């Protein structure tokens, strides 16, 4: 891990990935003074460059002032030019920040701002906007740097050729490789978020259109079914009318038997309407 950066390189890191330093106890963010190097605790503002910090090796660099967080005598903490005599590197131990090569305590929040103290509670814990420890940010930076170094060792012959062409030594080339591997994925994340929102909106629109079309289709099918039922009923009525017109005539009323018919006589009524006695001859013989 690099133990500090020359001042001439601080401009290279102005656009690297930055994070807020929010105290876990007071919920305020560490802000650098624009002129005198003082440090303040203010409400967190992701748009403020004075609250943007990034790890450059063991240094905590403020993006607004391009100066480094440094520990001075008597537990005082402020910003100073990176690489100057008052410059201090920082170490992470159990998610706590402490100056390198010293036992002056940890970076804590107090009423006046920040200072060094042996307190290890929430006042000594610093987090980013996602409530992740700034020490995790440093660990992530170290992983990127280790990957960059591994890449330079694998392609050492290529790096040597590039060094000759660019007029840089190996250390400067490794620093630049580390810098260019620190990509800011914010633009990509916002683009994916916007595309996801557009896709969700389009899906909702298509769903609404499909619902409306299904409803219209059901209404049309209901109307067609109703018209078909009415048409079938009308055709059934028209089919019954000829049957009623050609129905056979009602049978003639049975003419009453003759008044002079005696008990036990059997009569027959023929199709032409005449009535005759079946046993007329026998009756006459009997007489």
Protein backbone atom coordinates (compact mmCIF):
# COMPACT_ATOMS: atom_id res chain seq x y z
CA UNK A 1 0.00 0.00 0.00
CA UNK A 2 1.31 3.48 -0.85
CA UNK A 3 2.19 5.61 2.18
CA UNK A 4 1.30 8.99 0.73
CA UNK A 5 1.17 10.76 -2.60
CA UNK A 6 3.25 13.65 -3.95
CA UNK A 7 1.39 16.89 -4.12
CA UNK A 8 1.73 17.00 -7.91
CA UNK A 9 -0.47 13.89 -8.13
CA UNK A 10 -3.42 15.21 -6.15
CA UNK A 11 -4.99 16.68 -9.28
CA UNK A 12 -5.17 13.22 -10.83
CA UNK A 13 -7.53 12.03 -8.09
CA UNK A 14 -10.05 14.86 -8.22
CA UNK A 15 -12.50 12.70 -10.18
CA UNK A 16 -12.02 9.40 -8.35
CA UNK A 17 -14.84 7.74 -6.45
CA UNK A 18 -15.64 9.78 -3.35
CA UNK A 19 -17.66 9.11 -0.21
CA UNK A 20 -19.05 11.02 2.74
CA UNK A 21 -17.57 10.63 6.22
CA UNK A 22 -20.60 10.53 8.52
CA UNK A 23 -20.16 10.05 12.23
CA UNK A 24 -22.21 7.14 13.55
CA UNK A 25 -23.12 8.98 16.78
CA UNK A 26 -23.96 12.57 15.79
CA UNK A 27 -25.11 11.67 12.21
CA UNK A 28 -23.21 14.67 10.80
CA UNK A 29 -20.63 14.66 8.01
CA UNK A 30 -17.02 15.78 8.12
CA UNK A 31 -16.54 18.94 6.05
CA UNK A 32 -13.26 20.68 5.21
CA UNK A 33 -12.91 24.43 5.60
CA UNK A 34 -12.26 26.08 2.22
CA UNK A 35 -9.53 28.43 3.49
CA UNK A 36 -7.93 27.71 6.88
CA UNK A 37 -7.90 23.90 6.95
CA UNK A 38 -10.39 23.63 9.81
CA UNK A 39 -12.82 20.74 9.96
CA UNK A 40 -16.54 21.04 10.68
CA UNK A 41 -19.41 18.66 11.31
CA UNK A 42 -22.34 19.66 9.11
CA UNK A 43 -25.53 18.14 7.75
CA UNK A 44 -24.67 15.62 5.08
CA UNK A 45 -24.78 17.03 1.55
CA UNK A 46 -23.75 14.63 -1.26
CA UNK A 47 -23.51 17.59 -3.65
CA UNK A 48 -20.83 19.37 -1.61
CA UNK A 49 -17.24 18.80 -2.74
CA UNK A 50 -16.05 19.87 0.70
CA UNK A 51 -17.69 16.75 2.15
CA UNK A 52 -16.29 14.39 -0.49
CA UNK A 53 -13.37 12.25 0.67
CA UNK A 54 -11.43 9.44 -0.96
CA UNK A 55 -8.64 7.08 -0.03
CA UNK A 56 -5.37 7.63 -1.88
CA UNK A 57 -3.10 5.00 -0.41
CA UNK A 58 -3.14 5.74 3.33
CA UNK A 59 -4.27 9.33 2.78
CA UNK A 60 -7.78 10.72 3.13
CA UNK A 61 -8.04 13.39 0.44
CA UNK A 62 -10.75 16.04 0.40
CA UNK A 63 -12.02 16.68 -3.13
CA UNK A 64 -13.06 20.27 -2.45
CA UNK A 65 -9.70 21.50 -1.16
CA UNK A 66 -7.39 18.81 -2.63
CA UNK A 67 -5.78 18.57 0.82
CA UNK A 68 -5.27 15.61 3.13
CA UNK A 69 -6.68 14.88 6.56
CA UNK A 70 -3.82 15.33 9.02
CA UNK A 71 -3.28 14.96 12.77
CA UNK A 72 -1.33 17.74 14.49
CA UNK A 73 -0.08 18.12 18.03
CA UNK A 74 -2.32 17.98 21.10
CA UNK A 75 -4.87 15.84 19.36
CA UNK A 76 -5.78 18.49 16.80
CA UNK A 77 -7.03 17.33 13.40
CA UNK A 78 -7.30 19.48 10.29
CA UNK A 79 -6.47 19.39 6.59
CA UNK A 80 -3.01 20.14 5.21
CA UNK A 81 -1.37 19.90 1.80
CA UNK A 82 -0.70 16.31 0.85
CA UNK A 83 3.02 15.52 1.12
CA UNK A 84 3.76 18.45 3.41
CA UNK A 85 5.49 18.24 6.79
CA UNK A 86 2.15 18.10 8.62
CA UNK A 87 0.78 15.35 6.39
CA UNK A 88 -0.51 12.23 8.19
CA UNK A 89 -1.50 8.84 6.89
CA UNK A 90 -4.33 6.89 8.47
CA UNK A 91 -4.79 3.30 9.49
CA UNK A 92 -7.99 1.29 9.97
CA UNK A 93 -8.31 -0.95 13.00
CA UNK A 94 -11.67 -2.49 13.94
CA UNK A 95 -13.45 0.11 11.77
CA UNK A 96 -11.70 2.95 13.66
CA UNK A 97 -9.38 5.56 12.14
CA UNK A 98 -6.05 6.31 13.80
CA UNK A 99 -2.87 8.09 12.60
CA UNK A 100 -0.15 5.84 11.23
CA UNK A 101 2.88 5.08 13.39
CA UNK A 102 1.41 6.70 16.50
CA UNK A 103 -0.68 5.90 19.53
CA UNK A 104 -2.45 9.24 19.82
CA UNK A 105 -5.90 7.67 19.73
CA UNK A 106 -8.71 7.58 17.20
CA UNK A 107 -10.53 10.15 15.11
CA UNK A 108 -13.68 11.06 17.09
CA UNK A 109 -16.44 13.66 16.86
CA UNK A 110 -16.81 16.28 19.62
CA UNK A 111 -18.62 19.56 20.19
CA UNK A 112 -16.04 21.63 18.35
CA UNK A 113 -15.63 19.27 15.41
CA UNK A 114 -13.18 16.37 15.39
CA UNK A 115 -10.14 15.45 17.45
CA UNK A 116 -8.02 12.50 18.50
CA UNK A 117 -9.17 10.53 21.53
CA UNK A 118 -8.97 7.05 23.00
CA UNK A 119 -12.77 6.70 22.85
CA UNK A 120 -13.82 3.66 20.84
CA UNK A 121 -17.60 4.03 20.80
CA UNK A 122 -19.92 5.33 18.11
CA UNK A 123 -18.18 8.72 18.18
CA UNK A 124 -15.10 7.05 16.70
CA UNK A 125 -16.95 5.27 13.89
CA UNK A 126 -17.18 6.92 10.48
CA UNK A 127 -19.51 5.73 7.72
CA UNK A 128 -20.39 6.63 4.16
CA UNK A 129 -23.86 7.56 2.87
CA UNK A 130 -24.81 3.86 2.75
CA UNK A 131 -23.81 3.38 6.43
CA UNK A 132 -20.77 1.37 5.38
CA UNK A 133 -17.54 1.91 7.30
CA UNK A 134 -14.93 4.08 5.57
CA UNK A 135 -12.51 1.27 6.40
CA UNK A 136 -14.44 -0.91 3.95
CA UNK A 137 -13.87 1.79 1.35
CA UNK A 138 -10.14 1.52 2.06
CA UNK A 139 -10.23 -2.27 1.81
CA UNK A 140 -11.96 -1.99 -1.56
CA UNK A 141 -9.34 0.50 -2.74
CA UNK A 142 -6.56 -1.86 -1.63
CA UNK A 143 -8.13 -4.71 -3.61
CA UNK A 144 -8.22 -2.57 -6.76
CA UNK A 145 -4.62 -1.54 -6.22
CA UNK A 146 -3.50 -5.14 -5.66
CA UNK A 147 -5.27 -6.18 -8.88
CA UNK A 148 -3.53 -3.38 -10.76
CA UNK A 149 -0.14 -4.45 -9.42
CA UNK A 150 -0.84 -8.07 -10.33
CA UNK A 151 -1.75 -6.97 -13.83
CA UNK A 152 1.49 -5.02 -14.18
CA UNK A 153 3.52 -8.04 -13.04
CA UNK A 154 1.78 -10.33 -15.53
CA UNK A 155 2.46 -7.93 -18.39
CA UNK A 156 5.80 -6.69 -17.12
CA UNK A 157 7.38 -6.68 -20.55
CA UNK A 158 4.53 -4.58 -21.92
CA UNK A 159 4.77 -2.18 -18.99
CA UNK A 160 8.51 -1.84 -19.51
CA UNK A 161 7.97 -0.93 -23.15
CA UNK A 162 5.32 1.63 -22.18
CA UNK A 163 7.71 3.09 -19.60
CA UNK A 164 10.34 3.68 -22.24
CA UNK A 165 7.85 5.27 -24.62
CA UNK A 166 6.17 7.52 -22.05
CA UNK A 167 9.32 8.46 -20.21
CA UNK A 168 7.94 7.26 -16.80
CA UNK A 169 9.50 5.02 -14.25
CA UNK A 170 7.80 1.83 -13.05
CA UNK A 171 6.37 3.39 -9.87
CA UNK A 172 4.66 6.24 -11.72
CA UNK A 173 3.21 3.82 -14.26
CA UNK A 174 1.79 1.63 -11.47
CA UNK A 175 0.21 4.71 -9.89
CA UNK A 176 -1.44 5.67 -13.16
CA UNK A 177 -2.66 2.12 -13.74
CA UNK A 178 -4.19 2.13 -10.28
CA UNK A 179 -5.87 5.45 -10.97
CA UNK A 180 -7.42 4.41 -14.28
CA UNK A 181 -8.74 1.19 -12.76
CA UNK A 182 -10.76 3.16 -10.21
CA UNK A 183 -13.86 3.58 -12.29
CA UNK A 184 -16.87 5.54 -11.13
CA UNK A 185 -19.94 3.40 -11.80
CA UNK A 186 -22.43 6.11 -10.84
CA UNK A 187 -23.28 7.00 -14.46
CA UNK A 188 -23.83 3.35 -15.34
CA UNK A 189 -25.98 2.78 -12.24
CA UNK A 190 -28.14 5.83 -13.00
CA UNK A 191 -28.51 4.72 -16.62
CA UNK A 192 -29.62 1.23 -15.59
CA UNK A 193 -32.03 2.75 -13.07
CA UNK A 194 -33.52 5.02 -15.75
CA UNK A 195 -33.86 2.11 -18.20
CA UNK A 196 -35.51 -0.01 -15.52
CA UNK A 197 -38.01 2.76 -14.79
CA UNK A 198 -38.77 3.16 -18.51
CA UNK A 199 -39.23 -0.60 -18.89
CA UNK A 200 -41.57 -0.69 -15.89
CA UNK A 201 -43.59 2.26 -17.27
CA UNK A 202 -43.86 0.61 -20.69
CA UNK A 203 -44.95 -2.64 -19.07
CA UNK A 204 -47.69 -0.86 -17.11
CA UNK A 205 -48.91 0.89 -20.27
CA UNK A 206 -49.05 -2.40 -22.19
CA UNK A 207 -50.87 -4.04 -19.28
CA UNK A 208 -53.48 -1.26 -19.21
CA UNK A 209 -53.97 -1.50 -22.99
CA UNK A 210 -54.39 -5.28 -22.75
CA UNK A 211 -56.96 -4.94 -19.96
CA UNK A 212 -59.00 -2.39 -21.95
CA UNK A 213 -58.91 -4.56 -25.09
CA UNK A 214 -59.98 -7.67 -23.18
CA UNK A 215 -62.86 -5.75 -21.64
CA UNK A 216 -64.01 -4.48 -25.04
CA UNK A 217 -63.69 -7.99 -26.49
CA UNK A 218 -65.85 -9.45 -23.72
CA UNK A 219 -68.48 -6.74 -24.19
CA UNK A 220 -68.53 -7.40 -27.95
CA UNK A 221 -68.86 -11.16 -27.40
CA UNK A 222 -71.71 -10.58 -24.95
CA UNK A 223 -73.53 -8.37 -27.45
CA UNK A 224 -73.05 -10.90 -30.25
CA UNK A 225 -74.30 -13.72 -28.02
CA UNK A 226 -77.34 -11.66 -27.07
CA UNK A 227 -78.09 -10.84 -30.71
CA UNK A 228 -77.66 -14.51 -31.65
CA UNK A 229 -80.12 -15.56 -28.93
CA UNK A 230 -82.67 -13.01 -30.12
CA UNK A 231 -82.20 -14.15 -33.74
CA UNK A 232 -82.63 -17.80 -32.76
CA UNK A 233 -85.78 -16.96 -30.80
CA UNK A 234 -87.20 -15.06 -33.77
CA UNK A 235 -86.46 -17.92 -36.17
CA UNK A 236 -88.11 -20.36 -33.78
CA UNK A 237 -91.25 -18.22 -33.70
CA UNK A 238 -91.30 -17.98 -37.51
CA UNK A 239 -90.93 -21.78 -37.77
CA UNK A 240 -93.92 -22.35 -35.49
CA UNK A 241 -96.31 -20.13 -37.49
CA UNK A 242 -96.77 -22.48 -40.58
CA UNK A 243 -97.30 -25.43 -38.27
CA UNK A 244 -100.18 -23.62 -36.60
CA UNK A 245 -101.65 -22.58 -39.99
CA UNK A 246 -101.65 -26.17 -41.35
CA UNK A 247 -102.82 -27.89 -38.17
CA UNK A 248 -105.66 -30.42 -38.76
CA UNK A 249 -109.21 -29.24 -38.13
CA UNK A 250 -110.75 -30.01 -34.86
CA UNK A 251 -112.81 -33.21 -34.94
CA UNK A 252 -116.56 -32.89 -35.30
CA UNK A 253 -118.46 -32.98 -32.17
CA UNK A 254 -119.96 -36.34 -31.62
CA UNK A 255 -123.59 -36.21 -32.44
CA UNK A 256 -125.73 -37.36 -29.64
CA UNK A 257 -127.22 -40.78 -29.88
CA UNK A 258 -130.83 -40.95 -31.08
CA UNK A 259 -133.35 -40.45 -28.40
CA UNK A 260 -135.17 -43.64 -29.38
CA UNK A 261 -132.12 -45.79 -28.84
CA UNK A 262 -132.86 -48.52 -26.31
CA UNK A 263 -130.63 -49.88 -23.64
CA UNK A 264 -128.30 -52.59 -24.89
CA UNK A 265 -128.34 -51.35 -28.52
CA UNK A 266 -124.93 -51.02 -30.18
CA UNK A 267 -124.58 -48.26 -32.76
CA UNK A 268 -121.71 -47.40 -35.11
CA UNK A 269 -120.94 -43.93 -36.39
CA UNK A 270 -119.31 -44.01 -39.81
CA UNK A 271 -116.83 -41.55 -41.28
CA UNK A 272 -119.49 -39.80 -43.29
CA UNK A 273 -121.42 -39.14 -40.10
CA UNK A 274 -124.23 -41.72 -40.47
CA UNK A 275 -125.14 -43.80 -37.48
CA UNK A 276 -126.43 -47.37 -37.80
CA UNK A 277 -127.34 -50.02 -35.29
CA UNK A 278 -125.06 -53.01 -35.28
CA UNK A 279 -127.74 -55.50 -34.12
CA UNK A 280 -130.77 -54.09 -35.88
CA UNK A 281 -131.65 -57.28 -37.72
CA UNK A 282 -131.36 -59.41 -34.62
CA UNK A 283 -133.63 -57.06 -32.78
CA UNK A 284 -136.25 -57.31 -35.53
CA UNK A 285 -136.13 -61.13 -35.44
CA UNK A 286 -136.58 -61.06 -31.75
CA UNK A 287 -139.71 -59.01 -32.18
